[in-house]
Amino acid sequence: MARVNDQRATPIPLLLAALVALAFVFGLFPVWDFDLWGHLAAAQRIVETKSIASVDPFLWGVEGRPWINLYWGFQLIALALYTSGGTSLLVIAKAACAAGAVALSIAARP
């Protein structure tokens, strides 16, 4: 939809698509968060033991400390992506999630 009075106006859908593409491109940067490796280790334990631990298996000095793993779903998905394509696939998935969030925000606007 171009403005009526401006012959050079860019259509709004094209700008919105460019915004989604830009969000994807901005999401393409290396994984710097060290928590990722902890999440992958927790997911590996879930796969190996076929259960979600209720005691933190990674802390030393406070053995037996209760643990509620709220991120088990994310951890299993991240492990599946990592075993399928390494950190490159994790980065692409992160960028796709960023673009999807922008697209969903655009779709939800009045």
PDB file of N, CA and C in Angstrom:
ATOM      1  N   MET A   1       0.834  -1.181   0.000  1.00  0.00           N
ATOM      2  CA  MET A   1       0.000   0.000   0.000  1.00  0.00           C
ATOM      3  C   MET A   1       0.877   1.243   0.000  1.00  0.00           C
ATOM      4  N   ALA A   2       0.863   1.961  -1.053  1.00  0.00           N
ATOM      5  CA  ALA A   2       1.635   3.193  -1.164  1.00  0.00           C
ATOM      6  C   ALA A   2       0.739   4.374  -0.832  1.00  0.00           C
ATOM      7  N   ARG A   3       1.381   5.427  -0.370  1.00  0.00           N
ATOM      8  CA  ARG A   3       0.609   6.652  -0.136  1.00  0.00           C
ATOM      9  C   ARG A   3       0.157   7.218  -1.474  1.00  0.00           C
ATOM     10  N   VAL A   4      -1.017   7.795  -1.495  1.00  0.00           N
ATOM     11  CA  VAL A   4      -1.612   8.279  -2.739  1.00  0.00           C
ATOM     12  C   VAL A   4      -0.831   9.451  -3.313  1.00  0.00           C
ATOM     13  N   ASN A   5      -0.356  10.346  -2.470  1.00  0.00           N
ATOM     14  CA  ASN A   5       0.279  11.568  -2.947  1.00  0.00           C
ATOM     15  C   ASN A   5       1.764  11.409  -3.268  1.00  0.00           C
ATOM     16  N   ASP A   6       2.362  10.318  -2.873  1.00  0.00           N
ATOM     17  CA  ASP A   6       3.799  10.141  -3.083  1.00  0.00           C
ATOM     18  C   ASP A   6       4.031   8.990  -4.051  1.00  0.00           C
ATOM     19  N   GLN A   7       4.517   9.296  -5.235  1.00  0.00           N
ATOM     20  CA  GLN A   7       4.705   8.271  -6.262  1.00  0.00           C
ATOM     21  C   GLN A   7       5.881   7.358  -5.950  1.00  0.00           C
ATOM     22  N   ARG A   8       6.831   7.813  -5.142  1.00  0.00           N
ATOM     23  CA  ARG A   8       8.010   7.017  -4.836  1.00  0.00           C
ATOM     24  C   ARG A   8       7.892   6.273  -3.505  1.00  0.00           C
ATOM     25  N   ALA A   9       6.751   6.252  -2.889  1.00  0.00           N
ATOM     26  CA  ALA A   9       6.583   5.609  -1.584  1.00  0.00           C
ATOM     27  C   ALA A   9       6.783   4.097  -1.704  1.00  0.00           C
ATOM     28  N   THR A  10       7.475   3.526  -0.723  1.00  0.00           N
ATOM     29  CA  THR A  10       7.714   2.091  -0.692  1.00  0.00           C
ATOM     30  C   THR A  10       6.509   1.400  -0.064  1.00  0.00           C
ATOM     31  N   PRO A  11       6.086   0.314  -0.643  1.00  0.00           N
ATOM     32  CA  PRO A  11       4.946  -0.400  -0.062  1.00  0.00           C
ATOM     33  C   PRO A  11       5.246  -0.869   1.363  1.00  0.00           C
ATOM     34  N   ILE A  12       4.272  -0.751   2.240  1.00  0.00           N
ATOM     35  CA  ILE A  12       4.421  -1.132   3.642  1.00  0.00           C
ATOM     36  C   ILE A  12       4.769  -2.616   3.796  1.00  0.00           C
ATOM     37  N   PRO A  13       4.136  -3.537   3.071  1.00  0.00           N
ATOM     38  CA  PRO A  13       4.505  -4.955   3.237  1.00  0.00           C
ATOM     39  C   PRO A  13       5.979  -5.231   2.942  1.00  0.00           C
ATOM     40  N   LEU A  14       6.542  -4.511   1.987  1.00  0.00           N
ATOM     41  CA  LEU A  14       7.957  -4.689   1.678  1.00  0.00           C
ATOM     42  C   LEU A  14       8.837  -4.226   2.843  1.00  0.00           C
ATOM     43  N   LEU A  15       8.474  -3.123   3.458  1.00  0.00           N
ATOM     44  CA  LEU A  15       9.216  -2.636   4.620  1.00  0.00           C
ATOM     45  C   LEU A  15       9.111  -3.600   5.791  1.00  0.00           C
ATOM     46  N   LEU A  16       7.936  -4.165   6.003  1.00  0.00           N
ATOM     47  CA  LEU A  16       7.757  -5.106   7.100  1.00  0.00           C
ATOM     48  C   LEU A  16       8.551  -6.388   6.856  1.00  0.00           C
ATOM     49  N   ALA A  17       8.576  -6.857   5.617  1.00  0.00           N
ATOM     50  CA  ALA A  17       9.380  -8.039   5.284  1.00  0.00           C
ATOM     51  C   ALA A  17      10.863  -7.747   5.484  1.00  0.00           C
ATOM     52  N   ALA A  18      11.281  -6.540   5.142  1.00  0.00           N
ATOM     53  CA  ALA A  18      12.670  -6.150   5.345  1.00  0.00           C
ATOM     54  C   ALA A  18      13.003  -6.104   6.836  1.00  0.00           C
ATOM     55  N   LEU A  19      12.057  -5.697   7.662  1.00  0.00           N
ATOM     56  CA  LEU A  19      12.261  -5.657   9.104  1.00  0.00           C
ATOM     57  C   LEU A  19      12.451  -7.069   9.668  1.00  0.00           C
ATOM     58  N   VAL A  20      11.655  -8.012   9.183  1.00  0.00           N
ATOM     59  CA  VAL A  20      11.799  -9.409   9.613  1.00  0.00           C
ATOM     60  C   VAL A  20      13.150  -9.958   9.155  1.00  0.00           C
ATOM     61  N   ALA A  21      13.537  -9.672   7.924  1.00  0.00           N
ATOM     62  CA  ALA A  21      14.833 -10.131   7.411  1.00  0.00           C
ATOM     63  C   ALA A  21      15.981  -9.500   8.204  1.00  0.00           C
ATOM     64  N   LEU A  22      15.842  -8.250   8.567  1.00  0.00           N
ATOM     65  CA  LEU A  22      16.866  -7.578   9.357  1.00  0.00           C
ATOM     66  C   LEU A  22      16.995  -8.216  10.738  1.00  0.00           C
ATOM     67  N   ALA A  23      15.886  -8.585  11.339  1.00  0.00           N
ATOM     68  CA  ALA A  23      15.931  -9.269  12.639  1.00  0.00           C
ATOM     69  C   ALA A  23      16.674 -10.599  12.512  1.00  0.00           C
ATOM     70  N   PHE A  24      16.466 -11.310  11.402  1.00  0.00           N
ATOM     71  CA  PHE A  24      17.176 -12.565  11.164  1.00  0.00           C
ATOM     72  C   PHE A  24      18.686 -12.314  11.039  1.00  0.00           C
ATOM     73  N   VAL A  25      19.044 -11.317  10.256  1.00  0.00           N
ATOM     74  CA  VAL A  25      20.462 -11.012  10.047  1.00  0.00           C
ATOM     75  C   VAL A  25      21.124 -10.586  11.357  1.00  0.00           C
ATOM     76  N   PHE A  26      20.439  -9.779  12.162  1.00  0.00           N
ATOM     77  CA  PHE A  26      21.001  -9.349  13.440  1.00  0.00           C
ATOM     78  C   PHE A  26      21.144 -10.509  14.414  1.00  0.00           C
ATOM     79  N   GLY A  27      20.372 -11.580  14.212  1.00  0.00           N
ATOM     80  CA  GLY A  27      20.481 -12.755  15.070  1.00  0.00           C
ATOM     81  C   GLY A  27      21.639 -13.660  14.714  1.00  0.00           C
ATOM     82  N   LEU A  28      22.281 -13.402  13.584  1.00  0.00           N
ATOM     83  CA  LEU A  28      23.389 -14.249  13.125  1.00  0.00           C
ATOM     84  C   LEU A  28      24.717 -13.787  13.723  1.00  0.00           C
ATOM     85  N   PHE A  29      24.906 -14.052  14.989  1.00  0.00           N
ATOM     86  CA  PHE A  29      26.195 -13.778  15.621  1.00  0.00           C
ATOM     87  C   PHE A  29      26.551 -14.987  16.475  1.00  0.00           C
ATOM     88  N   PRO A  30      27.823 -15.203  16.721  1.00  0.00           N
ATOM     89  CA  PRO A  30      28.247 -16.412  17.449  1.00  0.00           C
ATOM     90  C   PRO A  30      27.619 -16.511  18.836  1.00  0.00           C
ATOM     91  N   VAL A  31      27.568 -17.722  19.336  1.00  0.00           N
ATOM     92  CA  VAL A  31      27.049 -17.975  20.681  1.00  0.00           C
ATOM     93  C   VAL A  31      28.118 -17.580  21.685  1.00  0.00           C
ATOM     94  N   TRP A  32      27.803 -16.607  22.528  1.00  0.00           N
ATOM     95  CA  TRP A  32      28.756 -16.140  23.529  1.00  0.00           C
ATOM     96  C   TRP A  32      28.328 -16.521  24.937  1.00  0.00           C
ATOM     97  N   ASP A  33      27.101 -16.910  25.124  1.00  0.00           N
ATOM     98  CA  ASP A  33      26.556 -17.182  26.449  1.00  0.00           C
ATOM     99  C   ASP A  33      27.074 -18.518  26.973  1.00  0.00           C
ATOM    100  N   PHE A  34      27.824 -18.490  28.065  1.00  0.00           N
ATOM    101  CA  PHE A  34      28.382 -19.720  28.628  1.00  0.00           C
ATOM    102  C   PHE A  34      27.300 -20.611  29.232  1.00  0.00           C
ATOM    103  N   ASP A  35      26.131 -20.057  29.529  1.00  0.00           N
ATOM    104  CA  ASP A  35      25.034 -20.874  30.055  1.00  0.00           C
ATOM    105  C   ASP A  35      24.611 -21.953  29.064  1.00  0.00           C
ATOM    106  N   LEU A  36      24.819 -21.714  27.792  1.00  0.00           N
ATOM    107  CA  LEU A  36      24.420 -22.685  26.780  1.00  0.00           C
ATOM    108  C   LEU A  36      25.041 -24.047  27.055  1.00  0.00           C
ATOM    109  N   TRP A  37      26.298 -24.069  27.432  1.00  0.00           N
ATOM    110  CA  TRP A  37      26.985 -25.343  27.655  1.00  0.00           C
ATOM    111  C   TRP A  37      26.410 -26.050  28.878  1.00  0.00           C
ATOM    112  N   GLY A  38      26.006 -25.304  29.880  1.00  0.00           N
ATOM    113  CA  GLY A  38      25.334 -25.895  31.039  1.00  0.00           C
ATOM    114  C   GLY A  38      23.992 -26.481  30.651  1.00  0.00           C
ATOM    115  N   HIS A  39      23.259 -25.765  29.788  1.00  0.00           N
ATOM    116  CA  HIS A  39      21.970 -26.272  29.315  1.00  0.00           C
ATOM    117  C   HIS A  39      22.166 -27.553  28.503  1.00  0.00           C
ATOM    118  N   LEU A  40      23.185 -27.575  27.666  1.00  0.00           N
ATOM    119  CA  LEU A  40      23.452 -28.777  26.873  1.00  0.00           C
ATOM    120  C   LEU A  40      23.856 -29.946  27.765  1.00  0.00           C
ATOM    121  N   ALA A  41      24.641 -29.673  28.806  1.00  0.00           N
ATOM    122  CA  ALA A  41      25.036 -30.731  29.736  1.00  0.00           C
ATOM    123  C   ALA A  41      23.827 -31.270  30.491  1.00  0.00           C
ATOM    124  N   ALA A  42      22.929 -30.378  30.900  1.00  0.00           N
ATOM    125  CA  ALA A  42      21.715 -30.820  31.599  1.00  0.00           C
ATOM    126  C   ALA A  42      20.847 -31.666  30.675  1.00  0.00           C
ATOM    127  N   ALA A  43      20.743 -31.264  29.412  1.00  0.00           N
ATOM    128  CA  ALA A  43      19.953 -32.036  28.450  1.00  0.00           C
ATOM    129  C   ALA A  43      20.581 -33.407  28.218  1.00  0.00           C
ATOM    130  N   GLN A  44      21.906 -33.454  28.172  1.00  0.00           N
ATOM    131  CA  GLN A  44      22.584 -34.736  27.988  1.00  0.00           C
ATOM    132  C   GLN A  44      22.283 -35.671  29.153  1.00  0.00           C
ATOM    133  N   ARG A  45      22.234 -35.133  30.374  1.00  0.00           N
ATOM    134  CA  ARG A  45      21.881 -35.958  31.539  1.00  0.00           C
ATOM    135  C   ARG A  45      20.441 -36.433  31.452  1.00  0.00           C
ATOM    136  N   ILE A  46      19.541 -35.578  30.968  1.00  0.00           N
ATOM    137  CA  ILE A  46      18.140 -35.984  30.805  1.00  0.00           C
ATOM    138  C   ILE A  46      18.052 -37.146  29.833  1.00  0.00           C
ATOM    139  N   VAL A  47      18.773 -37.047  28.736  1.00  0.00           N
ATOM    140  CA  VAL A  47      18.759 -38.112  27.725  1.00  0.00           C
ATOM    141  C   VAL A  47      19.356 -39.399  28.298  1.00  0.00           C
ATOM    142  N   GLU A  48      20.474 -39.278  29.005  1.00  0.00           N
ATOM    143  CA  GLU A  48      21.148 -40.458  29.545  1.00  0.00           C
ATOM    144  C   GLU A  48      20.332 -41.146  30.633  1.00  0.00           C
ATOM    145  N   THR A  49      19.731 -40.362  31.540  1.00  0.00           N
ATOM    146  CA  THR A  49      19.003 -40.945  32.669  1.00  0.00           C
ATOM    147  C   THR A  49      17.518 -41.123  32.389  1.00  0.00           C
ATOM    148  N   LYS A  50      17.043 -40.544  31.284  1.00  0.00           N
ATOM    149  CA  LYS A  50      15.621 -40.582  30.919  1.00  0.00           C
ATOM    150  C   LYS A  50      14.724 -40.004  32.026  1.00  0.00           C
ATOM    151  N   SER A  51      15.262 -39.013  32.734  1.00  0.00           N
ATOM    152  CA  SER A  51      14.490 -38.318  33.763  1.00  0.00           C
ATOM    153  C   SER A  51      15.096 -36.936  33.995  1.00  0.00           C
ATOM    154  N   ILE A  52      14.293 -36.067  34.569  1.00  0.00           N
ATOM    155  CA  ILE A  52      14.750 -34.722  34.895  1.00  0.00           C
ATOM    156  C   ILE A  52      15.197 -34.738  36.352  1.00  0.00           C
ATOM    157  N   ALA A  53      16.429 -34.367  36.599  1.00  0.00           N
ATOM    158  CA  ALA A  53      16.990 -34.421  37.948  1.00  0.00           C
ATOM    159  C   ALA A  53      16.254 -33.481  38.893  1.00  0.00           C
ATOM    160  N   SER A  54      16.052 -33.921  40.121  1.00  0.00           N
ATOM    161  CA  SER A  54      15.455 -33.061  41.145  1.00  0.00           C
ATOM    162  C   SER A  54      16.524 -32.545  42.107  1.00  0.00           C
ATOM    163  N   VAL A  55      17.751 -33.045  41.944  1.00  0.00           N
ATOM    164  CA  VAL A  55      18.904 -32.584  42.721  1.00  0.00           C
ATOM    165  C   VAL A  55      19.931 -32.059  41.729  1.00  0.00           C
ATOM    166  N   ASP A  56      20.505 -30.901  42.021  1.00  0.00           N
ATOM    167  CA  ASP A  56      21.455 -30.285  41.100  1.00  0.00           C
ATOM    168  C   ASP A  56      22.701 -31.159  40.959  1.00  0.00           C
ATOM    169  N   PRO A  57      22.942 -31.698  39.748  1.00  0.00           N
ATOM    170  CA  PRO A  57      24.083 -32.586  39.562  1.00  0.00           C
ATOM    171  C   PRO A  57      25.394 -31.854  39.264  1.00  0.00           C
ATOM    172  N   PHE A  58      25.363 -30.547  39.112  1.00  0.00           N
ATOM    173  CA  PHE A  58      26.537 -29.810  38.661  1.00  0.00           C
ATOM    174  C   PHE A  58      27.240 -29.011  39.756  1.00  0.00           C
ATOM    175  N   LEU A  59      26.559 -28.746  40.864  1.00  0.00           N
ATOM    176  CA  LEU A  59      27.179 -27.968  41.936  1.00  0.00           C
ATOM    177  C   LEU A  59      28.065 -28.862  42.788  1.00  0.00           C
ATOM    178  N   TRP A  60      29.203 -28.344  43.180  1.00  0.00           N
ATOM    179  CA  TRP A  60      30.060 -29.083  44.098  1.00  0.00           C
ATOM    180  C   TRP A  60      30.127 -28.287  45.390  1.00  0.00           C
ATOM    181  N   GLY A  61      30.237 -28.988  46.481  1.00  0.00           N
ATOM    182  CA  GLY A  61      30.278 -28.341  47.779  1.00  0.00           C
ATOM    183  C   GLY A  61      28.922 -28.240  48.446  1.00  0.00           C
ATOM    184  N   VAL A  62      27.864 -28.374  47.690  1.00  0.00           N
ATOM    185  CA  VAL A  62      26.502 -28.351  48.241  1.00  0.00           C
ATOM    186  C   VAL A  62      25.710 -29.511  47.639  1.00  0.00           C
ATOM    187  N   GLU A  63      26.274 -30.694  47.720  1.00  0.00           N
ATOM    188  CA  GLU A  63      25.625 -31.869  47.147  1.00  0.00           C
ATOM    189  C   GLU A  63      24.240 -32.061  47.763  1.00  0.00           C
ATOM    190  N   GLY A  64      23.327 -32.507  46.952  1.00  0.00           N
ATOM    191  CA  GLY A  64      21.969 -32.775  47.418  1.00  0.00           C
ATOM    192  C   GLY A  64      21.061 -31.568  47.407  1.00  0.00           C
ATOM    193  N   ARG A  65      21.526 -30.464  46.881  1.00  0.00           N
ATOM    194  CA  ARG A  65      20.701 -29.252  46.833  1.00  0.00           C
ATOM    195  C   ARG A  65      19.548 -29.467  45.858  1.00  0.00           C
ATOM    196  N   PRO A  66      18.308 -29.181  46.283  1.00  0.00           N
ATOM    197  CA  PRO A  66      17.158 -29.353  45.373  1.00  0.00           C
ATOM    198  C   PRO A  66      17.291 -28.469  44.140  1.00  0.00           C
ATOM    199  N   TRP A  67      16.781 -28.986  43.027  1.00  0.00           N
ATOM    200  CA  TRP A  67      16.889 -28.279  41.760  1.00  0.00           C
ATOM    201  C   TRP A  67      15.602 -28.469  40.977  1.00  0.00           C
ATOM    202  N   ILE A  68      15.027 -27.390  40.535  1.00  0.00           N
ATOM    203  CA  ILE A  68      13.862 -27.439  39.656  1.00  0.00           C
ATOM    204  C   ILE A  68      14.335 -26.940  38.300  1.00  0.00           C
ATOM    205  N   ASN A  69      14.426 -27.850  37.357  1.00  0.00           N
ATOM    206  CA  ASN A  69      14.927 -27.505  36.029  1.00  0.00           C
ATOM    207  C   ASN A  69      13.766 -27.000  35.174  1.00  0.00           C
ATOM    208  N   LEU A  70      13.599 -25.695  35.147  1.00  0.00           N
ATOM    209  CA  LEU A  70      12.508 -25.088  34.392  1.00  0.00           C
ATOM    210  C   LEU A  70      12.752 -25.086  32.890  1.00  0.00           C
ATOM    211  N   TYR A  71      13.985 -25.292  32.481  1.00  0.00           N
ATOM    212  CA  TYR A  71      14.362 -25.118  31.082  1.00  0.00           C
ATOM    213  C   TYR A  71      14.526 -26.439  30.333  1.00  0.00           C
ATOM    214  N   TRP A  72      13.997 -27.527  30.857  1.00  0.00           N
ATOM    215  CA  TRP A  72      14.252 -28.835  30.262  1.00  0.00           C
ATOM    216  C   TRP A  72      13.787 -28.916  28.811  1.00  0.00           C
ATOM    217  N   GLY A  73      12.689 -28.281  28.458  1.00  0.00           N
ATOM    218  CA  GLY A  73      12.209 -28.314  27.073  1.00  0.00           C
ATOM    219  C   GLY A  73      13.178 -27.621  26.131  1.00  0.00           C
ATOM    220  N   PHE A  74      13.591 -26.420  26.514  1.00  0.00           N
ATOM    221  CA  PHE A  74      14.588 -25.694  25.726  1.00  0.00           C
ATOM    222  C   PHE A  74      15.876 -26.496  25.627  1.00  0.00           C
ATOM    223  N   GLN A  75      16.281 -27.099  26.736  1.00  0.00           N
ATOM    224  CA  GLN A  75      17.535 -27.837  26.758  1.00  0.00           C
ATOM    225  C   GLN A  75      17.511 -29.018  25.788  1.00  0.00           C
ATOM    226  N   LEU A  76      16.404 -29.726  25.746  1.00  0.00           N
ATOM    227  CA  LEU A  76      16.309 -30.863  24.829  1.00  0.00           C
ATOM    228  C   LEU A  76      16.291 -30.413  23.372  1.00  0.00           C
ATOM    229  N   ILE A  77      15.606 -29.319  23.095  1.00  0.00           N
ATOM    230  CA  ILE A  77      15.596 -28.791  21.725  1.00  0.00           C
ATOM    231  C   ILE A  77      16.994 -28.312  21.332  1.00  0.00           C
ATOM    232  N   ALA A  78      17.662 -27.609  22.245  1.00  0.00           N
ATOM    233  CA  ALA A  78      19.014 -27.126  21.959  1.00  0.00           C
ATOM    234  C   ALA A  78      19.973 -28.289  21.738  1.00  0.00           C
ATOM    235  N   LEU A  79      19.827 -29.345  22.520  1.00  0.00           N
ATOM    236  CA  LEU A  79      20.702 -30.515  22.338  1.00  0.00           C
ATOM    237  C   LEU A  79      20.438 -31.177  20.990  1.00  0.00           C
ATOM    238  N   ALA A  80      19.176 -31.286  20.604  1.00  0.00           N
ATOM    239  CA  ALA A  80      18.849 -31.878  19.298  1.00  0.00           C
ATOM    240  C   ALA A  80      19.448 -31.054  18.165  1.00  0.00           C
ATOM    241  N   LEU A  81      19.348 -29.739  18.259  1.00  0.00           N
ATOM    242  CA  LEU A  81      19.940 -28.873  17.234  1.00  0.00           C
ATOM    243  C   LEU A  81      21.456 -28.986  17.229  1.00  0.00           C
ATOM    244  N   TYR A  82      22.047 -28.999  18.423  1.00  0.00           N
ATOM    245  CA  TYR A  82      23.506 -29.058  18.527  1.00  0.00           C
ATOM    246  C   TYR A  82      24.038 -30.385  17.973  1.00  0.00           C
ATOM    247  N   THR A  83      23.371 -31.489  18.276  1.00  0.00           N
ATOM    248  CA  THR A  83      23.852 -32.777  17.765  1.00  0.00           C
ATOM    249  C   THR A  83      23.609 -32.899  16.269  1.00  0.00           C
ATOM    250  N   SER A  84      22.626 -32.188  15.747  1.00  0.00           N
ATOM    251  CA  SER A  84      22.343 -32.238  14.307  1.00  0.00           C
ATOM    252  C   SER A  84      23.262 -31.350  13.490  1.00  0.00           C
ATOM    253  N   GLY A  85      23.577 -30.143  14.019  1.00  0.00           N
ATOM    254  CA  GLY A  85      24.345 -29.208  13.200  1.00  0.00           C
ATOM    255  C   GLY A  85      25.366 -28.376  13.939  1.00  0.00           C
ATOM    256  N   GLY A  86      25.629 -28.694  15.195  1.00  0.00           N
ATOM    257  CA  GLY A  86      26.618 -27.945  15.956  1.00  0.00           C
ATOM    258  C   GLY A  86      26.167 -26.529  16.279  1.00  0.00           C
ATOM    259  N   THR A  87      27.130 -25.690  16.601  1.00  0.00           N
ATOM    260  CA  THR A  87      26.793 -24.313  16.981  1.00  0.00           C
ATOM    261  C   THR A  87      26.252 -23.510  15.802  1.00  0.00           C
ATOM    262  N   SER A  88      26.613 -23.892  14.586  1.00  0.00           N
ATOM    263  CA  SER A  88      26.086 -23.171  13.416  1.00  0.00           C
ATOM    264  C   SER A  88      24.573 -23.292  13.342  1.00  0.00           C
ATOM    265  N   LEU A  89      24.048 -24.483  13.571  1.00  0.00           N
ATOM    266  CA  LEU A  89      22.596 -24.672  13.532  1.00  0.00           C
ATOM    267  C   LEU A  89      21.934 -23.955  14.700  1.00  0.00           C
ATOM    268  N   LEU A  90      22.583 -23.923  15.857  1.00  0.00           N
ATOM    269  CA  LEU A  90      22.032 -23.176  16.989  1.00  0.00           C
ATOM    270  C   LEU A  90      21.928 -21.683  16.669  1.00  0.00           C
ATOM    271  N   VAL A  91      22.941 -21.144  16.002  1.00  0.00           N
ATOM    272  CA  VAL A  91      22.926 -19.724  15.631  1.00  0.00           C
ATOM    273  C   VAL A  91      21.809 -19.447  14.625  1.00  0.00           C
ATOM    274  N   ILE A  92      21.651 -20.312  13.636  1.00  0.00           N
ATOM    275  CA  ILE A  92      20.586 -20.126  12.638  1.00  0.00           C
ATOM    276  C   ILE A  92      19.217 -20.223  13.303  1.00  0.00           C
ATOM    277  N   ALA A  93      19.057 -21.182  14.221  1.00  0.00           N
ATOM    278  CA  ALA A  93      17.779 -21.321  14.928  1.00  0.00           C
ATOM    279  C   ALA A  93      17.496 -20.087  15.784  1.00  0.00           C
ATOM    280  N   LYS A  94      18.539 -19.531  16.414  1.00  0.00           N
ATOM    281  CA  LYS A  94      18.378 -18.316  17.217  1.00  0.00           C
ATOM    282  C   LYS A  94      17.935 -17.149  16.338  1.00  0.00           C
ATOM    283  N   ALA A  95      18.544 -17.022  15.182  1.00  0.00           N
ATOM    284  CA  ALA A  95      18.174 -15.952  14.263  1.00  0.00           C
ATOM    285  C   ALA A  95      16.750 -16.137  13.757  1.00  0.00           C
ATOM    286  N   ALA A  96      16.371 -17.384  13.479  1.00  0.00           N
ATOM    287  CA  ALA A  96      15.007 -17.656  13.018  1.00  0.00           C
ATOM    288  C   ALA A  96      13.987 -17.335  14.112  1.00  0.00           C
ATOM    289  N   CYS A  97      14.329 -17.608  15.361  1.00  0.00           N
ATOM    290  CA  CYS A  97      13.427 -17.259  16.465  1.00  0.00           C
ATOM    291  C   CYS A  97      13.277 -15.746  16.589  1.00  0.00           C
ATOM    292  N   ALA A  98      14.366 -15.012  16.407  1.00  0.00           N
ATOM    293  CA  ALA A  98      14.295 -13.548  16.463  1.00  0.00           C
ATOM    294  C   ALA A  98      13.410 -13.015  15.338  1.00  0.00           C
ATOM    295  N   ALA A  99      13.601 -13.547  14.133  1.00  0.00           N
ATOM    296  CA  ALA A  99      12.777 -13.115  12.998  1.00  0.00           C
ATOM    297  C   ALA A  99      11.316 -13.502  13.222  1.00  0.00           C
ATOM    298  N   GLY A 100      11.096 -14.681  13.778  1.00  0.00           N
ATOM    299  CA  GLY A 100       9.725 -15.118  14.061  1.00  0.00           C
ATOM    300  C   GLY A 100       9.047 -14.237  15.094  1.00  0.00           C
ATOM    301  N   ALA A 101       9.799 -13.809  16.101  1.00  0.00           N
ATOM    302  CA  ALA A 101       9.232 -12.920  17.111  1.00  0.00           C
ATOM    303  C   ALA A 101       8.848 -11.571  16.518  1.00  0.00           C
ATOM    304  N   VAL A 102       9.686 -11.049  15.633  1.00  0.00           N
ATOM    305  CA  VAL A 102       9.367  -9.789  14.964  1.00  0.00           C
ATOM    306  C   VAL A 102       8.153  -9.965  14.053  1.00  0.00           C
ATOM    307  N   ALA A 103       8.118 -11.062  13.319  1.00  0.00           N
ATOM    308  CA  ALA A 103       6.966 -11.321  12.431  1.00  0.00           C
ATOM    309  C   ALA A 103       5.670 -11.461  13.232  1.00  0.00           C
ATOM    310  N   LEU A 104       5.746 -12.145  14.375  1.00  0.00           N
ATOM    311  CA  LEU A 104       4.564 -12.299  15.216  1.00  0.00           C
ATOM    312  C   LEU A 104       4.115 -10.950  15.778  1.00  0.00           C
ATOM    313  N   SER A 105       5.080 -10.118  16.156  1.00  0.00           N
ATOM    314  CA  SER A 105       4.739  -8.772  16.638  1.00  0.00           C
ATOM    315  C   SER A 105       4.079  -7.941  15.548  1.00  0.00           C
ATOM    316  N   ILE A 106       4.577  -8.053  14.347  1.00  0.00           N
ATOM    317  CA  ILE A 106       3.980  -7.314  13.230  1.00  0.00           C
ATOM    318  C   ILE A 106       2.581  -7.810  12.950  1.00  0.00           C
ATOM    319  N   ALA A 107       2.412  -9.126  12.972  1.00  0.00           N
ATOM    320  CA  ALA A 107       1.091  -9.711  12.700  1.00  0.00           C
ATOM    321  C   ALA A 107       0.070  -9.348  13.777  1.00  0.00           C
ATOM    322  N   ALA A 108       0.529  -9.104  14.997  1.00  0.00           N
ATOM    323  CA  ALA A 108      -0.388  -8.813  16.102  1.00  0.00           C
ATOM    324  C   ALA A 108      -0.735  -7.340  16.209  1.00  0.00           C
ATOM    325  N   ARG A 109      -0.103  -6.508  15.403  1.00  0.00           N
ATOM    326  CA  ARG A 109      -0.379  -5.070  15.513  1.00  0.00           C
ATOM    327  C   ARG A 109      -1.768  -4.751  14.963  1.00  0.00           C
ATOM    328  N   PRO A 110      -2.377  -3.715  15.501  1.00  0.00           N
ATOM    329  CA  PRO A 110      -3.723  -3.353  15.035  1.00  0.00           C
ATOM    330  C   PRO A 110      -3.727  -2.769  13.629  1.00  0.00           C
TER     331      PRO A 110
END
